[in-house]
Amino acid sequence: MEALTPLTVVLALAFLCESMTEYLFSDLIVVLGGEKRHLKYIAVAVGVGLSLAYGLDMMRVFLDISPRLPYLGEVLTGLILGRGANYVHDFYTSFLVSGKRAAEIGQ
């Protein structure tokens, strides 16, 4: 239960990141003559910006590890946010939930 609140924040910010990117930059890219495939880079920049603004570090919160470089965890979290809520959910179910289940089975 302890990780539920940070996970909710991460999912909400990932959804916000995806929504902001689509709403604010989708039409702008087309008007400027760019291609829709460039939106993923804008989404990453928005995700990193949101992560840095809120001081979100998933590695520290969920895995209890901290990098030697001060903002590396926040930047990595921003990259995850930029890929969208679906990838955050996949990450959570693949690594965190299965890891907890494996630990429970081993006990």
C-alpha atoms as a PDB file:
ATOM      1  CA  MET A   1       0.000   0.000   0.000  1.00  0.00           C
ATOM      2  CA  GLU A   2       2.911   2.318   0.655  1.00  0.00           C
ATOM      3  CA  ALA A   3       3.790   2.674  -3.044  1.00  0.00           C
ATOM      4  CA  LEU A   4       0.190   3.341  -4.079  1.00  0.00           C
ATOM      5  CA  THR A   5       0.345   7.123  -3.683  1.00  0.00           C
ATOM      6  CA  PRO A   6       3.608   7.623  -5.646  1.00  0.00           C
ATOM      7  CA  LEU A   7       2.326   5.258  -8.327  1.00  0.00           C
ATOM      8  CA  THR A   8      -0.883   7.260  -8.623  1.00  0.00           C
ATOM      9  CA  VAL A   9       1.165  10.449  -8.998  1.00  0.00           C
ATOM     10  CA  VAL A  10       3.336   8.852 -11.698  1.00  0.00           C
ATOM     11  CA  LEU A  11       0.310   7.598 -13.627  1.00  0.00           C
ATOM     12  CA  ALA A  12      -1.422  10.978 -13.347  1.00  0.00           C
ATOM     13  CA  LEU A  13       1.691  12.817 -14.570  1.00  0.00           C
ATOM     14  CA  ALA A  14       2.181  10.333 -17.408  1.00  0.00           C
ATOM     15  CA  PHE A  15      -1.414  10.933 -18.489  1.00  0.00           C
ATOM     16  CA  LEU A  16      -0.914  14.698 -18.159  1.00  0.00           C
ATOM     17  CA  CYS A  17       2.292  14.502 -20.188  1.00  0.00           C
ATOM     18  CA  GLU A  18       0.621  12.570 -22.979  1.00  0.00           C
ATOM     19  CA  SER A  19      -2.410  14.869 -22.966  1.00  0.00           C
ATOM     20  CA  MET A  20      -0.322  18.053 -22.996  1.00  0.00           C
ATOM     21  CA  THR A  21       1.810  16.773 -25.838  1.00  0.00           C
ATOM     22  CA  GLU A  22      -1.143  15.784 -27.983  1.00  0.00           C
ATOM     23  CA  TYR A  23      -3.216  18.878 -27.236  1.00  0.00           C
ATOM     24  CA  LEU A  24      -0.510  21.545 -27.342  1.00  0.00           C
ATOM     25  CA  PHE A  25       1.950  20.250 -29.917  1.00  0.00           C
ATOM     26  CA  SER A  26       0.123  17.888 -32.282  1.00  0.00           C
ATOM     27  CA  ASP A  27      -1.359  20.574 -34.523  1.00  0.00           C
ATOM     28  CA  LEU A  28       1.682  22.825 -34.141  1.00  0.00           C
ATOM     29  CA  ILE A  29       3.963  20.133 -35.554  1.00  0.00           C
ATOM     30  CA  VAL A  30       1.743  19.774 -38.623  1.00  0.00           C
ATOM     31  CA  VAL A  31       1.501  23.567 -39.138  1.00  0.00           C
ATOM     32  CA  LEU A  32       5.277  23.924 -38.939  1.00  0.00           C
ATOM     33  CA  GLY A  33       5.703  21.199 -41.537  1.00  0.00           C
ATOM     34  CA  GLY A  34       6.994  18.546 -39.180  1.00  0.00           C
ATOM     35  CA  GLU A  35       5.858  14.977 -38.886  1.00  0.00           C
ATOM     36  CA  LYS A  36       3.731  13.361 -36.176  1.00  0.00           C
ATOM     37  CA  ARG A  37       6.570  10.963 -35.358  1.00  0.00           C
ATOM     38  CA  HIS A  38       8.457  13.874 -33.787  1.00  0.00           C
ATOM     39  CA  LEU A  39       5.845  14.101 -31.036  1.00  0.00           C
ATOM     40  CA  LYS A  40       7.570  11.352 -29.078  1.00  0.00           C
ATOM     41  CA  TYR A  41      10.600  13.605 -28.587  1.00  0.00           C
ATOM     42  CA  ILE A  42       8.409  16.447 -27.397  1.00  0.00           C
ATOM     43  CA  ALA A  43       6.653  14.028 -25.023  1.00  0.00           C
ATOM     44  CA  VAL A  44      10.003  13.012 -23.553  1.00  0.00           C
ATOM     45  CA  ALA A  45      10.950  16.659 -23.018  1.00  0.00           C
ATOM     46  CA  VAL A  46       7.592  17.351 -21.351  1.00  0.00           C
ATOM     47  CA  GLY A  47       7.968  14.236 -19.187  1.00  0.00           C
ATOM     48  CA  VAL A  48      11.465  15.188 -18.062  1.00  0.00           C
ATOM     49  CA  GLY A  49      10.269  18.725 -17.347  1.00  0.00           C
ATOM     50  CA  LEU A  50       7.356  17.482 -15.239  1.00  0.00           C
ATOM     51  CA  SER A  51       9.565  15.013 -13.394  1.00  0.00           C
ATOM     52  CA  LEU A  52      12.157  17.674 -12.581  1.00  0.00           C
ATOM     53  CA  ALA A  53       9.467  20.180 -11.592  1.00  0.00           C
ATOM     54  CA  TYR A  54       7.876  17.738  -9.139  1.00  0.00           C
ATOM     55  CA  GLY A  55      11.107  16.065  -7.997  1.00  0.00           C
ATOM     56  CA  LEU A  56       9.848  12.624  -8.983  1.00  0.00           C
ATOM     57  CA  ASP A  57      12.373   9.777  -8.780  1.00  0.00           C
ATOM     58  CA  MET A  58      10.790   6.355  -9.338  1.00  0.00           C
ATOM     59  CA  MET A  59      14.063   4.505  -8.785  1.00  0.00           C
ATOM     60  CA  ARG A  60      14.400   5.955  -5.299  1.00  0.00           C
ATOM     61  CA  VAL A  61      10.733   5.543  -4.349  1.00  0.00           C
ATOM     62  CA  PHE A  62      10.024   2.070  -5.717  1.00  0.00           C
ATOM     63  CA  LEU A  63      13.410   0.355  -5.851  1.00  0.00           C
ATOM     64  CA  ASP A  64      15.112   2.208  -2.985  1.00  0.00           C
ATOM     65  CA  ILE A  65      18.203   3.031  -5.058  1.00  0.00           C
ATOM     66  CA  SER A  66      19.736   6.427  -5.677  1.00  0.00           C
ATOM     67  CA  PRO A  67      22.163   7.321  -8.461  1.00  0.00           C
ATOM     68  CA  ARG A  68      25.427   9.112  -7.787  1.00  0.00           C
ATOM     69  CA  LEU A  69      24.428  11.903 -10.154  1.00  0.00           C
ATOM     70  CA  PRO A  70      21.874  14.115  -8.395  1.00  0.00           C
ATOM     71  CA  TYR A  71      19.158  14.426 -11.053  1.00  0.00           C
ATOM     72  CA  LEU A  72      19.632  11.160 -12.943  1.00  0.00           C
ATOM     73  CA  GLY A  73      16.708   9.419 -11.234  1.00  0.00           C
ATOM     74  CA  GLU A  74      14.391  12.321 -12.037  1.00  0.00           C
ATOM     75  CA  VAL A  75      15.522  12.407 -15.672  1.00  0.00           C
ATOM     76  CA  LEU A  76      14.986   8.646 -16.020  1.00  0.00           C
ATOM     77  CA  THR A  77      11.559   9.023 -14.451  1.00  0.00           C
ATOM     78  CA  GLY A  78      10.837  11.797 -16.959  1.00  0.00           C
ATOM     79  CA  LEU A  79      11.773   9.487 -19.804  1.00  0.00           C
ATOM     80  CA  ILE A  80       9.300   6.947 -18.474  1.00  0.00           C
ATOM     81  CA  LEU A  81       6.639   9.650 -18.106  1.00  0.00           C
ATOM     82  CA  GLY A  82       7.270  10.788 -21.655  1.00  0.00           C
ATOM     83  CA  ARG A  83       6.509   7.353 -23.017  1.00  0.00           C
ATOM     84  CA  GLY A  84       3.033   7.537 -21.530  1.00  0.00           C
ATOM     85  CA  ALA A  85       0.806   5.952 -18.956  1.00  0.00           C
ATOM     86  CA  ASN A  86       0.710   2.613 -20.760  1.00  0.00           C
ATOM     87  CA  TYR A  87       4.458   2.153 -20.419  1.00  0.00           C
ATOM     88  CA  VAL A  88       4.387   3.192 -16.761  1.00  0.00           C
ATOM     89  CA  HIS A  89       1.701   0.587 -16.132  1.00  0.00           C
ATOM     90  CA  ASP A  90       3.696  -2.065 -18.024  1.00  0.00           C
ATOM     91  CA  PHE A  91       6.816  -1.199 -16.004  1.00  0.00           C
ATOM     92  CA  TYR A  92       4.906  -1.469 -12.741  1.00  0.00           C
ATOM     93  CA  THR A  93       3.291  -4.800 -13.494  1.00  0.00           C
ATOM     94  CA  SER A  94       6.394  -6.338 -15.081  1.00  0.00           C
ATOM     95  CA  PHE A  95       9.056  -5.379 -12.560  1.00  0.00           C
ATOM     96  CA  LEU A  96       7.510  -4.210  -9.318  1.00  0.00           C
ATOM     97  CA  VAL A  97       4.495  -6.475  -8.924  1.00  0.00           C
ATOM     98  CA  SER A  98       6.250  -9.603 -10.199  1.00  0.00           C
ATOM     99  CA  GLY A  99       9.258  -8.812  -7.979  1.00  0.00           C
ATOM    100  CA  LYS A 100       7.043  -8.492  -4.901  1.00  0.00           C
ATOM    101  CA  ARG A 101       5.243 -11.736  -5.765  1.00  0.00           C
ATOM    102  CA  ALA A 102       8.560 -13.525  -6.210  1.00  0.00           C
ATOM    103  CA  ALA A 103       9.693 -12.239  -2.799  1.00  0.00           C
ATOM    104  CA  GLU A 104       6.449 -13.392  -1.188  1.00  0.00           C
ATOM    105  CA  ILE A 105       6.746 -16.852  -2.740  1.00  0.00           C
ATOM    106  CA  GLY A 106      10.335 -17.164  -1.541  1.00  0.00           C
ATOM    107  CA  GLN A 107       9.392 -16.388   2.076  1.00  0.00           C
END
